[in-house]
Amino acid sequence: MTKTYTNCPVEYTASIIGNKWKIIILRDLLTGTKRYNELTRSVVGISAKVLTENLRELEGDGIVKRKVYPVVPPKVEYSLTDKGNELKDVLDMMKAFGEKYKQ
């Protein structure tokens, strides 16, 4: 899937983290590398299909890196790239906003 963007940097950023699942996945990966099963447990309410789709999109956008180990059963780990780690400030601001206004 090819994405098209306007010149608006806000629209570009929103296209990368534009749904709640991606934001929750990023939140969990900010604490370090996670295996797929760890993410299925920590991202409450997400289906395996939707988790996989979101991880692939984040990987395609250069936010998440996927490492596959050649073992049986398969072992796959996900972590943030340098670009992904740069979103920490964005998520910190979202957290501060939520803490301030959440009832």
PDB file of N, CA and C in Angstrom:
ATOM      1  N   MET A   1       0.835  -1.167   0.000  1.00  0.00           N
ATOM      2  CA  MET A   1       0.000   0.000   0.000  1.00  0.00           C
ATOM      3  C   MET A   1       0.888   1.241   0.000  1.00  0.00           C
ATOM      4  N   THR A   2       0.702   2.096  -0.968  1.00  0.00           N
ATOM      5  CA  THR A   2       1.471   3.319  -1.066  1.00  0.00           C
ATOM      6  C   THR A   2       0.701   4.445  -0.419  1.00  0.00           C
ATOM      7  N   LYS A   3       1.376   5.166   0.465  1.00  0.00           N
ATOM      8  CA  LYS A   3       0.753   6.294   1.134  1.00  0.00           C
ATOM      9  C   LYS A   3       1.115   7.571   0.391  1.00  0.00           C
ATOM     10  N   THR A   4       0.163   8.484   0.326  1.00  0.00           N
ATOM     11  CA  THR A   4       0.457   9.800  -0.213  1.00  0.00           C
ATOM     12  C   THR A   4       0.247  10.822   0.890  1.00  0.00           C
ATOM     13  N   TYR A   5       1.069  11.832   0.900  1.00  0.00           N
ATOM     14  CA  TYR A   5       1.036  12.834   1.952  1.00  0.00           C
ATOM     15  C   TYR A   5       0.964  14.224   1.342  1.00  0.00           C
ATOM     16  N   THR A   6       0.369  15.120   2.081  1.00  0.00           N
ATOM     17  CA  THR A   6       0.479  16.527   1.731  1.00  0.00           C
ATOM     18  C   THR A   6       1.800  17.011   2.326  1.00  0.00           C
ATOM     19  N   ASN A   7       2.073  18.266   2.206  1.00  0.00           N
ATOM     20  CA  ASN A   7       3.290  18.815   2.794  1.00  0.00           C
ATOM     21  C   ASN A   7       3.141  19.089   4.287  1.00  0.00           C
ATOM     22  N   CYS A   8       1.996  18.751   4.856  1.00  0.00           N
ATOM     23  CA  CYS A   8       1.719  19.042   6.266  1.00  0.00           C
ATOM     24  C   CYS A   8       2.412  18.013   7.168  1.00  0.00           C
ATOM     25  N   PRO A   9       3.326  18.461   8.033  1.00  0.00           N
ATOM     26  CA  PRO A   9       4.017  17.519   8.918  1.00  0.00           C
ATOM     27  C   PRO A   9       3.092  16.872   9.949  1.00  0.00           C
ATOM     28  N   VAL A  10       2.043  17.570  10.355  1.00  0.00           N
ATOM     29  CA  VAL A  10       1.092  16.984  11.313  1.00  0.00           C
ATOM     30  C   VAL A  10       0.361  15.820  10.654  1.00  0.00           C
ATOM     31  N   GLU A  11      -0.052  15.999   9.412  1.00  0.00           N
ATOM     32  CA  GLU A  11      -0.739  14.918   8.680  1.00  0.00           C
ATOM     33  C   GLU A  11       0.186  13.718   8.499  1.00  0.00           C
ATOM     34  N   TYR A  12       1.449  13.972   8.206  1.00  0.00           N
ATOM     35  CA  TYR A  12       2.410  12.884   8.060  1.00  0.00           C
ATOM     36  C   TYR A  12       2.526  12.084   9.357  1.00  0.00           C
ATOM     37  N   THR A  13       2.714  12.792  10.482  1.00  0.00           N
ATOM     38  CA  THR A  13       2.846  12.121  11.779  1.00  0.00           C
ATOM     39  C   THR A  13       1.578  11.355  12.123  1.00  0.00           C
ATOM     40  N   ALA A  14       0.417  11.971  11.887  1.00  0.00           N
ATOM     41  CA  ALA A  14      -0.856  11.305  12.171  1.00  0.00           C
ATOM     42  C   ALA A  14      -1.019  10.049  11.327  1.00  0.00           C
ATOM     43  N   SER A  15      -0.510  10.054  10.111  1.00  0.00           N
ATOM     44  CA  SER A  15      -0.637   8.871   9.256  1.00  0.00           C
ATOM     45  C   SER A  15       0.179   7.703   9.789  1.00  0.00           C
ATOM     46  N   ILE A  16       1.238   8.001  10.515  1.00  0.00           N
ATOM     47  CA  ILE A  16       2.080   6.937  11.073  1.00  0.00           C
ATOM     48  C   ILE A  16       1.491   6.397  12.372  1.00  0.00           C
ATOM     49  N   ILE A  17       1.025   7.282  13.250  1.00  0.00           N
ATOM     50  CA  ILE A  17       0.517   6.828  14.558  1.00  0.00           C
ATOM     51  C   ILE A  17      -0.982   7.055  14.651  1.00  0.00           C
ATOM     52  N   GLY A  18      -1.662   7.017  13.509  1.00  0.00           N
ATOM     53  CA  GLY A  18      -3.036   7.469  13.411  1.00  0.00           C
ATOM     54  C   GLY A  18      -4.131   6.580  13.958  1.00  0.00           C
ATOM     55  N   ASN A  19      -3.830   5.548  14.696  1.00  0.00           N
ATOM     56  CA  ASN A  19      -4.916   4.805  15.339  1.00  0.00           C
ATOM     57  C   ASN A  19      -4.496   4.410  16.746  1.00  0.00           C
ATOM     58  N   LYS A  20      -5.476   4.090  17.549  1.00  0.00           N
ATOM     59  CA  LYS A  20      -5.175   3.825  18.966  1.00  0.00           C
ATOM     60  C   LYS A  20      -4.253   2.630  19.146  1.00  0.00           C
ATOM     61  N   TRP A  21      -4.360   1.637  18.277  1.00  0.00           N
ATOM     62  CA  TRP A  21      -3.534   0.446  18.461  1.00  0.00           C
ATOM     63  C   TRP A  21      -2.064   0.760  18.262  1.00  0.00           C
ATOM     64  N   LYS A  22      -1.751   1.554  17.252  1.00  0.00           N
ATOM     65  CA  LYS A  22      -0.345   1.887  17.008  1.00  0.00           C
ATOM     66  C   LYS A  22       0.237   2.655  18.185  1.00  0.00           C
ATOM     67  N   ILE A  23      -0.536   3.544  18.746  1.00  0.00           N
ATOM     68  CA  ILE A  23      -0.057   4.325  19.883  1.00  0.00           C
ATOM     69  C   ILE A  23       0.212   3.411  21.080  1.00  0.00           C
ATOM     70  N   ILE A  24      -0.674   2.439  21.320  1.00  0.00           N
ATOM     71  CA  ILE A  24      -0.492   1.502  22.438  1.00  0.00           C
ATOM     72  C   ILE A  24       0.715   0.595  22.183  1.00  0.00           C
ATOM     73  N   ILE A  25       0.886   0.151  20.949  1.00  0.00           N
ATOM     74  CA  ILE A  25       2.050  -0.674  20.589  1.00  0.00           C
ATOM     75  C   ILE A  25       3.327   0.125  20.834  1.00  0.00           C
ATOM     76  N   LEU A  26       3.341   1.377  20.395  1.00  0.00           N
ATOM     77  CA  LEU A  26       4.517   2.223  20.607  1.00  0.00           C
ATOM     78  C   LEU A  26       4.787   2.424  22.095  1.00  0.00           C
ATOM     79  N   ARG A  27       3.722   2.665  22.854  1.00  0.00           N
ATOM     80  CA  ARG A  27       3.864   2.829  24.305  1.00  0.00           C
ATOM     81  C   ARG A  27       4.583   1.623  24.909  1.00  0.00           C
ATOM     82  N   ASP A  28       4.167   0.425  24.498  1.00  0.00           N
ATOM     83  CA  ASP A  28       4.751  -0.786  25.064  1.00  0.00           C
ATOM     84  C   ASP A  28       6.183  -1.021  24.581  1.00  0.00           C
ATOM     85  N   LEU A  29       6.488  -0.641  23.349  1.00  0.00           N
ATOM     86  CA  LEU A  29       7.839  -0.841  22.827  1.00  0.00           C
ATOM     87  C   LEU A  29       8.816   0.211  23.342  1.00  0.00           C
ATOM     88  N   LEU A  30       8.305   1.326  23.853  1.00  0.00           N
ATOM     89  CA  LEU A  30       9.203   2.339  24.430  1.00  0.00           C
ATOM     90  C   LEU A  30       9.944   1.815  25.653  1.00  0.00           C
ATOM     91  N   THR A  31       9.400   0.784  26.294  1.00  0.00           N
ATOM     92  CA  THR A  31      10.062   0.207  27.467  1.00  0.00           C
ATOM     93  C   THR A  31      11.083  -0.860  27.087  1.00  0.00           C
ATOM     94  N   GLY A  32      11.176  -1.195  25.788  1.00  0.00           N
ATOM     95  CA  GLY A  32      12.170  -2.164  25.340  1.00  0.00           C
ATOM     96  C   GLY A  32      11.606  -3.178  24.366  1.00  0.00           C
ATOM     97  N   THR A  33      12.470  -4.043  23.909  1.00  0.00           N
ATOM     98  CA  THR A  33      12.130  -5.087  22.946  1.00  0.00           C
ATOM     99  C   THR A  33      11.080  -6.027  23.526  1.00  0.00           C
ATOM    100  N   LYS A  34      10.121  -6.405  22.681  1.00  0.00           N
ATOM    101  CA  LYS A  34       9.052  -7.322  23.108  1.00  0.00           C
ATOM    102  C   LYS A  34       8.902  -8.435  22.075  1.00  0.00           C
ATOM    103  N   ARG A  35       8.580  -9.618  22.580  1.00  0.00           N
ATOM    104  CA  ARG A  35       8.210 -10.712  21.690  1.00  0.00           C
ATOM    105  C   ARG A  35       6.747 -10.547  21.317  1.00  0.00           C
ATOM    106  N   TYR A  36       6.353 -11.198  20.243  1.00  0.00           N
ATOM    107  CA  TYR A  36       4.981 -11.074  19.746  1.00  0.00           C
ATOM    108  C   TYR A  36       3.972 -11.422  20.836  1.00  0.00           C
ATOM    109  N   ASN A  37       4.198 -12.513  21.542  1.00  0.00           N
ATOM    110  CA  ASN A  37       3.251 -12.931  22.586  1.00  0.00           C
ATOM    111  C   ASN A  37       3.168 -11.918  23.729  1.00  0.00           C
ATOM    112  N   GLU A  38       4.264 -11.254  24.033  1.00  0.00           N
ATOM    113  CA  GLU A  38       4.228 -10.214  25.062  1.00  0.00           C
ATOM    114  C   GLU A  38       3.312  -9.071  24.616  1.00  0.00           C
ATOM    115  N   LEU A  39       3.393  -8.726  23.339  1.00  0.00           N
ATOM    116  CA  LEU A  39       2.535  -7.659  22.825  1.00  0.00           C
ATOM    117  C   LEU A  39       1.069  -8.082  22.821  1.00  0.00           C
ATOM    118  N   THR A  40       0.773  -9.343  22.518  1.00  0.00           N
ATOM    119  CA  THR A  40      -0.627  -9.780  22.524  1.00  0.00           C
ATOM    120  C   THR A  40      -1.216  -9.683  23.918  1.00  0.00           C
ATOM    121  N   ARG A  41      -0.379  -9.870  24.950  1.00  0.00           N
ATOM    122  CA  ARG A  41      -0.864  -9.763  26.327  1.00  0.00           C
ATOM    123  C   ARG A  41      -0.961  -8.310  26.794  1.00  0.00           C
ATOM    124  N   SER A  42      -0.028  -7.470  26.367  1.00  0.00           N
ATOM    125  CA  SER A  42      -0.006  -6.095  26.885  1.00  0.00           C
ATOM    126  C   SER A  42      -0.944  -5.153  26.138  1.00  0.00           C
ATOM    127  N   VAL A  43      -1.231  -5.446  24.875  1.00  0.00           N
ATOM    128  CA  VAL A  43      -2.149  -4.606  24.098  1.00  0.00           C
ATOM    129  C   VAL A  43      -3.542  -5.228  24.231  1.00  0.00           C
ATOM    130  N   VAL A  44      -4.210  -4.903  25.302  1.00  0.00           N
ATOM    131  CA  VAL A  44      -5.474  -5.533  25.672  1.00  0.00           C
ATOM    132  C   VAL A  44      -6.579  -5.162  24.677  1.00  0.00           C
ATOM    133  N   GLY A  45      -7.274  -6.196  24.183  1.00  0.00           N
ATOM    134  CA  GLY A  45      -8.413  -5.985  23.299  1.00  0.00           C
ATOM    135  C   GLY A  45      -8.102  -6.070  21.823  1.00  0.00           C
ATOM    136  N   ILE A  46      -6.840  -6.207  21.445  1.00  0.00           N
ATOM    137  CA  ILE A  46      -6.481  -6.269  20.028  1.00  0.00           C
ATOM    138  C   ILE A  46      -6.475  -7.727  19.569  1.00  0.00           C
ATOM    139  N   SER A  47      -6.961  -7.966  18.360  1.00  0.00           N
ATOM    140  CA  SER A  47      -6.917  -9.314  17.807  1.00  0.00           C
ATOM    141  C   SER A  47      -5.533  -9.573  17.219  1.00  0.00           C
ATOM    142  N   ALA A  48      -5.192 -10.838  17.041  1.00  0.00           N
ATOM    143  CA  ALA A  48      -3.899 -11.202  16.465  1.00  0.00           C
ATOM    144  C   ALA A  48      -3.747 -10.611  15.061  1.00  0.00           C
ATOM    145  N   LYS A  49      -4.820 -10.639  14.289  1.00  0.00           N
ATOM    146  CA  LYS A  49      -4.786 -10.107  12.927  1.00  0.00           C
ATOM    147  C   LYS A  49      -4.489  -8.609  12.920  1.00  0.00           C
ATOM    148  N   VAL A  50      -5.170  -7.866  13.771  1.00  0.00           N
ATOM    149  CA  VAL A  50      -4.992  -6.412  13.817  1.00  0.00           C
ATOM    150  C   VAL A  50      -3.608  -6.067  14.373  1.00  0.00           C
ATOM    151  N   LEU A  51      -3.126  -6.808  15.365  1.00  0.00           N
ATOM    152  CA  LEU A  51      -1.787  -6.581  15.891  1.00  0.00           C
ATOM    153  C   LEU A  51      -0.750  -6.783  14.791  1.00  0.00           C
ATOM    154  N   THR A  52      -0.868  -7.872  14.064  1.00  0.00           N
ATOM    155  CA  THR A  52       0.067  -8.165  12.983  1.00  0.00           C
ATOM    156  C   THR A  52       0.025  -7.078  11.912  1.00  0.00           C
ATOM    157  N   GLU A  53      -1.163  -6.642  11.512  1.00  0.00           N
ATOM    158  CA  GLU A  53      -1.295  -5.592  10.497  1.00  0.00           C
ATOM    159  C   GLU A  53      -0.623  -4.299  10.953  1.00  0.00           C
ATOM    160  N   ASN A  54      -0.861  -3.920  12.202  1.00  0.00           N
ATOM    161  CA  ASN A  54      -0.282  -2.685  12.720  1.00  0.00           C
ATOM    162  C   ASN A  54       1.233  -2.777  12.850  1.00  0.00           C
ATOM    163  N   LEU A  55       1.739  -3.907  13.295  1.00  0.00           N
ATOM    164  CA  LEU A  55       3.188  -4.091  13.376  1.00  0.00           C
ATOM    165  C   LEU A  55       3.823  -4.007  11.991  1.00  0.00           C
ATOM    166  N   ARG A  56       3.187  -4.599  10.992  1.00  0.00           N
ATOM    167  CA  ARG A  56       3.713  -4.541   9.619  1.00  0.00           C
ATOM    168  C   ARG A  56       3.722  -3.112   9.089  1.00  0.00           C
ATOM    169  N   GLU A  57       2.652  -2.355   9.376  1.00  0.00           N
ATOM    170  CA  GLU A  57       2.603  -0.965   8.934  1.00  0.00           C
ATOM    171  C   GLU A  57       3.682  -0.137   9.620  1.00  0.00           C
ATOM    172  N   LEU A  58       3.850  -0.331  10.924  1.00  0.00           N
ATOM    173  CA  LEU A  58       4.888   0.391  11.653  1.00  0.00           C
ATOM    174  C   LEU A  58       6.281   0.016  11.148  1.00  0.00           C
ATOM    175  N   GLU A  59       6.454  -1.245  10.796  1.00  0.00           N
ATOM    176  CA  GLU A  59       7.731  -1.692  10.230  1.00  0.00           C
ATOM    177  C   GLU A  59       7.942  -1.044   8.859  1.00  0.00           C
ATOM    178  N   GLY A  60       6.907  -1.008   8.060  1.00  0.00           N
ATOM    179  CA  GLY A  60       6.992  -0.392   6.734  1.00  0.00           C
ATOM    180  C   GLY A  60       7.297   1.096   6.787  1.00  0.00           C
ATOM    181  N   ASP A  61       6.842   1.757   7.854  1.00  0.00           N
ATOM    182  CA  ASP A  61       7.102   3.187   8.030  1.00  0.00           C
ATOM    183  C   ASP A  61       8.456   3.454   8.695  1.00  0.00           C
ATOM    184  N   GLY A  62       9.191   2.391   9.015  1.00  0.00           N
ATOM    185  CA  GLY A  62      10.509   2.561   9.608  1.00  0.00           C
ATOM    186  C   GLY A  62      10.480   2.900  11.085  1.00  0.00           C
ATOM    187  N   ILE A  63       9.360   2.603  11.758  1.00  0.00           N
ATOM    188  CA  ILE A  63       9.199   2.917  13.179  1.00  0.00           C
ATOM    189  C   ILE A  63       9.590   1.720  14.048  1.00  0.00           C
ATOM    190  N   VAL A  64       9.281   0.535  13.573  1.00  0.00           N
ATOM    191  CA  VAL A  64       9.528  -0.711  14.315  1.00  0.00           C
ATOM    192  C   VAL A  64      10.435  -1.606  13.483  1.00  0.00           C
ATOM    193  N   LYS A  65      11.334  -2.306  14.173  1.00  0.00           N
ATOM    194  CA  LYS A  65      12.123  -3.327  13.479  1.00  0.00           C
ATOM    195  C   LYS A  65      11.740  -4.691  14.034  1.00  0.00           C
ATOM    196  N   ARG A  66      11.768  -5.653  13.146  1.00  0.00           N
ATOM    197  CA  ARG A  66      11.359  -7.026  13.454  1.00  0.00           C
ATOM    198  C   ARG A  66      12.574  -7.914  13.300  1.00  0.00           C
ATOM    199  N   LYS A  67      12.854  -8.702  14.328  1.00  0.00           N
ATOM    200  CA  LYS A  67      13.980  -9.631  14.263  1.00  0.00           C
ATOM    201  C   LYS A  67      13.450 -11.040  14.424  1.00  0.00           C
ATOM    202  N   VAL A  68      13.752 -11.885  13.438  1.00  0.00           N
ATOM    203  CA  VAL A  68      13.307 -13.277  13.445  1.00  0.00           C
ATOM    204  C   VAL A  68      14.513 -14.162  13.731  1.00  0.00           C
ATOM    205  N   TYR A  69      14.354 -15.040  14.705  1.00  0.00           N
ATOM    206  CA  TYR A  69      15.412 -15.981  15.056  1.00  0.00           C
ATOM    207  C   TYR A  69      15.107 -17.321  14.389  1.00  0.00           C
ATOM    208  N   PRO A  70      16.113 -17.953  13.795  1.00  0.00           N
ATOM    209  CA  PRO A  70      15.895 -19.228  13.091  1.00  0.00           C
ATOM    210  C   PRO A  70      15.833 -20.413  14.043  1.00  0.00           C
ATOM    211  N   VAL A  71      14.767 -20.454  14.853  1.00  0.00           N
ATOM    212  CA  VAL A  71      14.573 -21.543  15.810  1.00  0.00           C
ATOM    213  C   VAL A  71      13.156 -22.078  15.670  1.00  0.00           C
ATOM    214  N   VAL A  72      12.960 -23.266  16.230  1.00  0.00           N
ATOM    215  CA  VAL A  72      11.628 -23.866  16.261  1.00  0.00           C
ATOM    216  C   VAL A  72      11.250 -24.032  17.717  1.00  0.00           C
ATOM    217  N   PRO A  73      10.111 -23.508  18.160  1.00  0.00           N
ATOM    218  CA  PRO A  73       9.165 -22.692  17.405  1.00  0.00           C
ATOM    219  C   PRO A  73       9.756 -21.322  17.090  1.00  0.00           C
ATOM    220  N   PRO A  74       9.184 -20.647  16.087  1.00  0.00           N
ATOM    221  CA  PRO A  74       9.734 -19.352  15.669  1.00  0.00           C
ATOM    222  C   PRO A  74       9.756 -18.339  16.813  1.00  0.00           C
ATOM    223  N   LYS A  75      10.814 -17.572  16.861  1.00  0.00           N
ATOM    224  CA  LYS A  75      10.942 -16.509  17.862  1.00  0.00           C
ATOM    225  C   LYS A  75      11.080 -15.195  17.093  1.00  0.00           C
ATOM    226  N   VAL A  76      10.178 -14.256  17.370  1.00  0.00           N
ATOM    227  CA  VAL A  76      10.191 -12.959  16.702  1.00  0.00           C
ATOM    228  C   VAL A  76      10.168 -11.879  17.776  1.00  0.00           C
ATOM    229  N   GLU A  77      11.040 -10.903  17.628  1.00  0.00           N
ATOM    230  CA  GLU A  77      11.089  -9.782  18.561  1.00  0.00           C
ATOM    231  C   GLU A  77      10.874  -8.482  17.808  1.00  0.00           C
ATOM    232  N   TYR A  78      10.224  -7.554  18.488  1.00  0.00           N
ATOM    233  CA  TYR A  78       9.964  -6.227  17.922  1.00  0.00           C
ATOM    234  C   TYR A  78      10.588  -5.177  18.818  1.00  0.00           C
ATOM    235  N   SER A  79      11.162  -4.171  18.195  1.00  0.00           N
ATOM    236  CA  SER A  79      11.733  -3.048  18.931  1.00  0.00           C
ATOM    237  C   SER A  79      11.588  -1.793  18.082  1.00  0.00           C
ATOM    238  N   LEU A  80      11.803  -0.661  18.714  1.00  0.00           N
ATOM    239  CA  LEU A  80      11.712   0.599  17.998  1.00  0.00           C
ATOM    240  C   LEU A  80      13.027   0.907  17.300  1.00  0.00           C
ATOM    241  N   THR A  81      12.922   1.505  16.130  1.00  0.00           N
ATOM    242  CA  THR A  81      14.095   2.013  15.435  1.00  0.00           C
ATOM    243  C   THR A  81      14.451   3.361  16.059  1.00  0.00           C
ATOM    244  N   ASP A  82      15.526   3.963  15.607  1.00  0.00           N
ATOM    245  CA  ASP A  82      15.863   5.311  16.073  1.00  0.00           C
ATOM    246  C   ASP A  82      14.724   6.278  15.757  1.00  0.00           C
ATOM    247  N   LYS A  83      14.156   6.143  14.570  1.00  0.00           N
ATOM    248  CA  LYS A  83      13.016   6.987  14.173  1.00  0.00           C
ATOM    249  C   LYS A  83      11.842   6.762  15.123  1.00  0.00           C
ATOM    250  N   GLY A  84      11.580   5.515  15.468  1.00  0.00           N
ATOM    251  CA  GLY A  84      10.495   5.193  16.391  1.00  0.00           C
ATOM    252  C   GLY A  84      10.723   5.772  17.774  1.00  0.00           C
ATOM    253  N   ASN A  85      11.966   5.729  18.236  1.00  0.00           N
ATOM    254  CA  ASN A  85      12.285   6.286  19.558  1.00  0.00           C
ATOM    255  C   ASN A  85      12.074   7.792  19.608  1.00  0.00           C
ATOM    256  N   GLU A  86      12.148   8.453  18.464  1.00  0.00           N
ATOM    257  CA  GLU A  86      11.918   9.898  18.425  1.00  0.00           C
ATOM    258  C   GLU A  86      10.466  10.259  18.730  1.00  0.00           C
ATOM    259  N   LEU A  87       9.565   9.283  18.691  1.00  0.00           N
ATOM    260  CA  LEU A  87       8.161   9.535  19.017  1.00  0.00           C
ATOM    261  C   LEU A  87       7.908   9.561  20.527  1.00  0.00           C
ATOM    262  N   LYS A  88       8.930   9.289  21.329  1.00  0.00           N
ATOM    263  CA  LYS A  88       8.763   9.270  22.783  1.00  0.00           C
ATOM    264  C   LYS A  88       8.194  10.583  23.306  1.00  0.00           C
ATOM    265  N   ASP A  89       8.715  11.697  22.837  1.00  0.00           N
ATOM    266  CA  ASP A  89       8.219  13.002  23.305  1.00  0.00           C
ATOM    267  C   ASP A  89       6.745  13.197  22.958  1.00  0.00           C
ATOM    268  N   VAL A  90       6.339  12.730  21.783  1.00  0.00           N
ATOM    269  CA  VAL A  90       4.929  12.841  21.369  1.00  0.00           C
ATOM    270  C   VAL A  90       4.056  12.046  22.340  1.00  0.00           C
ATOM    271  N   LEU A  91       4.461  10.818  22.642  1.00  0.00           N
ATOM    272  CA  LEU A  91       3.683   9.990  23.558  1.00  0.00           C
ATOM    273  C   LEU A  91       3.709  10.529  24.978  1.00  0.00           C
ATOM    274  N   ASP A  92       4.830  11.098  25.391  1.00  0.00           N
ATOM    275  CA  ASP A  92       4.902  11.716  26.722  1.00  0.00           C
ATOM    276  C   ASP A  92       3.920  12.881  26.824  1.00  0.00           C
ATOM    277  N   MET A  93       3.798  13.672  25.771  1.00  0.00           N
ATOM    278  CA  MET A  93       2.854  14.795  25.774  1.00  0.00           C
ATOM    279  C   MET A  93       1.415  14.286  25.797  1.00  0.00           C
ATOM    280  N   MET A  94       1.141  13.200  25.084  1.00  0.00           N
ATOM    281  CA  MET A  94      -0.193  12.611  25.103  1.00  0.00           C
ATOM    282  C   MET A  94      -0.519  12.101  26.504  1.00  0.00           C
ATOM    283  N   LYS A  95       0.472  11.496  27.163  1.00  0.00           N
ATOM    284  CA  LYS A  95       0.275  10.995  28.519  1.00  0.00           C
ATOM    285  C   LYS A  95      -0.021  12.147  29.477  1.00  0.00           C
ATOM    286  N   ALA A  96       0.755  13.228  29.365  1.00  0.00           N
ATOM    287  CA  ALA A  96       0.552  14.385  30.239  1.00  0.00           C
ATOM    288  C   ALA A  96      -0.831  14.994  30.021  1.00  0.00           C
ATOM    289  N   PHE A  97      -1.261  15.082  28.781  1.00  0.00           N
ATOM    290  CA  PHE A  97      -2.590  15.607  28.470  1.00  0.00           C
ATOM    291  C   PHE A  97      -3.661  14.720  29.103  1.00  0.00           C
ATOM    292  N   GLY A  98      -3.515  13.406  28.939  1.00  0.00           N
ATOM    293  CA  GLY A  98      -4.475  12.459  29.502  1.00  0.00           C
ATOM    294  C   GLY A  98      -4.528  12.531  31.015  1.00  0.00           C
ATOM    295  N   GLU A  99      -3.368  12.647  31.653  1.00  0.00           N
ATOM    296  CA  GLU A  99      -3.335  12.753  33.113  1.00  0.00           C
ATOM    297  C   GLU A  99      -4.027  14.029  33.589  1.00  0.00           C
ATOM    298  N   LYS A 100      -3.875  15.093  32.818  1.00  0.00           N
ATOM    299  CA  LYS A 100      -4.456  16.370  33.216  1.00  0.00           C
ATOM    300  C   LYS A 100      -5.976  16.395  33.062  1.00  0.00           C
ATOM    301  N   TYR A 101      -6.499  15.795  31.987  1.00  0.00           N
ATOM    302  CA  TYR A 101      -7.915  15.936  31.680  1.00  0.00           C
ATOM    303  C   TYR A 101      -8.756  14.692  31.874  1.00  0.00           C
ATOM    304  N   LYS A 102      -8.138  13.543  32.114  1.00  0.00           N
ATOM    305  CA  LYS A 102      -8.905  12.312  32.323  1.00  0.00           C
ATOM    306  C   LYS A 102      -9.688  12.425  33.624  1.00  0.00           C
ATOM    307  N   GLN A 103     -10.944  12.110  33.562  1.00  0.00           N
ATOM    308  CA  GLN A 103     -11.817  12.197  34.758  1.00  0.00           C
ATOM    309  C   GLN A 103     -11.715  10.936  35.575  1.00  0.00           C
TER     310      GLN A 103
END
